[in-house]
Amino acid sequence: MTAPRVALGRFAAACLMGMALGLVYGFLRPVRRKAPGLGDFLFLLTAGGAWIYVSFGVCMGDLRLGYTAGLFLGGFFWEWTVGRLLRPVFFGLWRFLSSVFRFLLFPWKKFLEFFY
């Protein structure tokens, strides 16, 4: 049997990891509007890695439903609080990154059009 103090610490670690997943989800939200498959794949890859880390790194193989629920609760808590405030920041960041990418791609596009 796991001591309640240890179980509470593991649940808190799972909640913190869920909050980090909420941050990743908010960061990938603008990508999901343009390329939903890519955004979902990146998030599921990150969420799977986080679940494996919590299950085997933090909980040392003691797989319990409560620890997985901690991941979800942390993610929902992040979305309901800080995630709503950061949405415009992430959209602005992705808008800036796409304009930088377009600026860097423009000379190559003109160069390759020369050969057509």
Protein backbone atom coordinates (compact mmCIF):
# COMPACT_ATOMS: atom_id res chain seq x y z
CA MET A 1 0.00 0.00 0.00
CA THR A 2 1.26 3.45 -0.90
CA ALA A 3 1.52 5.91 1.95
CA PRO A 4 -0.96 8.80 1.62
CA ARG A 5 1.84 11.36 1.77
CA VAL A 6 3.66 9.68 -1.12
CA ALA A 7 0.44 9.32 -3.12
CA LEU A 8 -0.38 13.00 -2.62
CA GLY A 9 3.09 14.00 -3.81
CA ARG A 10 2.75 11.84 -6.90
CA PHE A 11 -0.71 13.24 -7.62
CA ALA A 12 0.64 16.79 -7.26
CA ALA A 13 3.48 15.95 -9.66
CA ALA A 14 0.93 14.58 -12.13
CA CYS A 15 -1.13 17.77 -11.81
CA LEU A 16 1.95 19.90 -12.49
CA MET A 17 2.78 17.78 -15.51
CA GLY A 18 -0.82 18.23 -16.67
CA MET A 19 -0.41 21.98 -16.38
CA ALA A 20 2.70 21.73 -18.56
CA LEU A 21 0.64 19.75 -21.07
CA GLY A 22 -1.96 22.51 -20.98
CA LEU A 23 0.78 24.97 -21.88
CA VAL A 24 1.85 22.78 -24.81
CA TYR A 25 -1.77 22.44 -25.94
CA GLY A 26 -2.23 26.22 -25.85
CA PHE A 27 1.01 26.70 -27.76
CA LEU A 28 -0.09 24.26 -30.47
CA ARG A 29 -3.65 25.62 -30.71
CA PRO A 30 -2.88 27.96 -33.68
CA VAL A 31 -1.14 25.08 -35.48
CA ARG A 32 -4.22 22.91 -35.03
CA ARG A 33 -6.33 25.46 -36.93
CA LYS A 34 -4.09 25.31 -40.01
CA ALA A 35 -2.91 21.69 -39.83
CA PRO A 36 -5.03 19.70 -37.38
CA GLY A 37 -3.29 16.40 -38.03
CA LEU A 38 0.15 17.81 -37.31
CA GLY A 39 -0.99 19.65 -34.18
CA ASP A 40 -2.77 16.59 -32.81
CA PHE A 41 0.19 14.35 -33.55
CA LEU A 42 2.63 16.68 -31.78
CA PHE A 43 0.36 17.01 -28.76
CA LEU A 44 -0.32 13.27 -28.50
CA LEU A 45 3.40 12.58 -28.78
CA THR A 46 4.06 15.03 -25.94
CA ALA A 47 1.16 13.75 -23.84
CA GLY A 48 2.28 10.14 -24.26
CA GLY A 49 5.80 11.04 -23.19
CA ALA A 50 4.47 12.93 -20.19
CA TRP A 51 2.25 10.01 -19.17
CA ILE A 52 5.16 7.58 -19.43
CA TYR A 53 7.37 9.92 -17.40
CA VAL A 54 4.74 10.32 -14.67
CA SER A 55 3.95 6.60 -14.62
CA PHE A 56 7.47 5.27 -14.53
CA GLY A 57 9.70 8.19 -13.56
CA VAL A 58 7.66 9.80 -10.79
CA CYS A 59 5.39 6.95 -9.70
CA MET A 60 8.04 4.24 -10.27
CA GLY A 61 5.65 1.88 -12.04
CA ASP A 62 2.84 2.24 -9.51
CA LEU A 63 0.11 2.74 -12.11
CA ARG A 64 -3.04 4.19 -10.62
CA LEU A 65 -6.01 5.87 -12.23
CA GLY A 66 -5.68 8.87 -9.90
CA TYR A 67 -2.28 9.80 -11.27
CA THR A 68 -3.61 9.78 -14.82
CA ALA A 69 -6.57 11.84 -13.64
CA GLY A 70 -4.05 14.30 -12.20
CA LEU A 71 -2.71 14.86 -15.70
CA PHE A 72 -6.20 15.71 -16.96
CA LEU A 73 -7.04 17.88 -13.96
CA GLY A 74 -3.83 19.86 -14.34
CA GLY A 75 -4.55 20.42 -18.03
CA PHE A 76 -8.11 21.55 -17.37
CA PHE A 77 -6.97 23.84 -14.56
CA TRP A 78 -4.43 25.43 -16.88
CA GLU A 79 -7.01 25.95 -19.62
CA TRP A 80 -9.54 27.53 -17.27
CA THR A 81 -7.06 29.95 -15.70
CA VAL A 82 -3.78 30.96 -17.32
CA GLY A 83 -4.42 29.31 -20.69
CA ARG A 84 -7.22 31.75 -21.50
CA LEU A 85 -4.94 34.68 -20.82
CA LEU A 86 -2.12 33.33 -22.99
CA ARG A 87 -4.17 32.52 -26.10
CA PRO A 88 -3.60 35.91 -27.76
CA VAL A 89 0.11 35.67 -26.94
CA PHE A 90 0.43 32.29 -28.66
CA PHE A 91 -1.54 33.43 -31.71
CA GLY A 92 0.69 36.51 -31.97
CA LEU A 93 3.81 34.39 -31.58
CA TRP A 94 2.76 32.01 -34.36
CA ARG A 95 1.79 34.95 -36.57
CA PHE A 96 5.27 36.42 -36.04
CA LEU A 97 6.97 33.08 -36.70
CA SER A 98 5.00 32.57 -39.91
CA SER A 99 5.94 36.05 -41.17
CA VAL A 100 9.61 35.36 -40.41
CA PHE A 101 9.36 32.03 -42.22
CA ARG A 102 7.73 33.68 -45.23
CA PHE A 103 10.46 36.35 -45.27
CA LEU A 104 13.19 33.71 -45.22
CA LEU A 105 11.43 31.61 -47.86
CA PHE A 106 10.78 34.49 -50.29
CA PRO A 107 14.29 34.63 -51.88
CA TRP A 108 14.34 30.86 -52.37
CA LYS A 109 10.92 30.94 -53.94
CA LYS A 110 12.04 33.58 -56.47
CA PHE A 111 15.24 31.63 -57.13
CA LEU A 112 13.34 28.42 -57.83
CA GLU A 113 10.79 30.21 -60.03
CA PHE A 114 13.70 31.24 -62.25
CA PHE A 115 14.18 27.61 -63.30
CA TYR A 116 10.56 27.05 -64.33
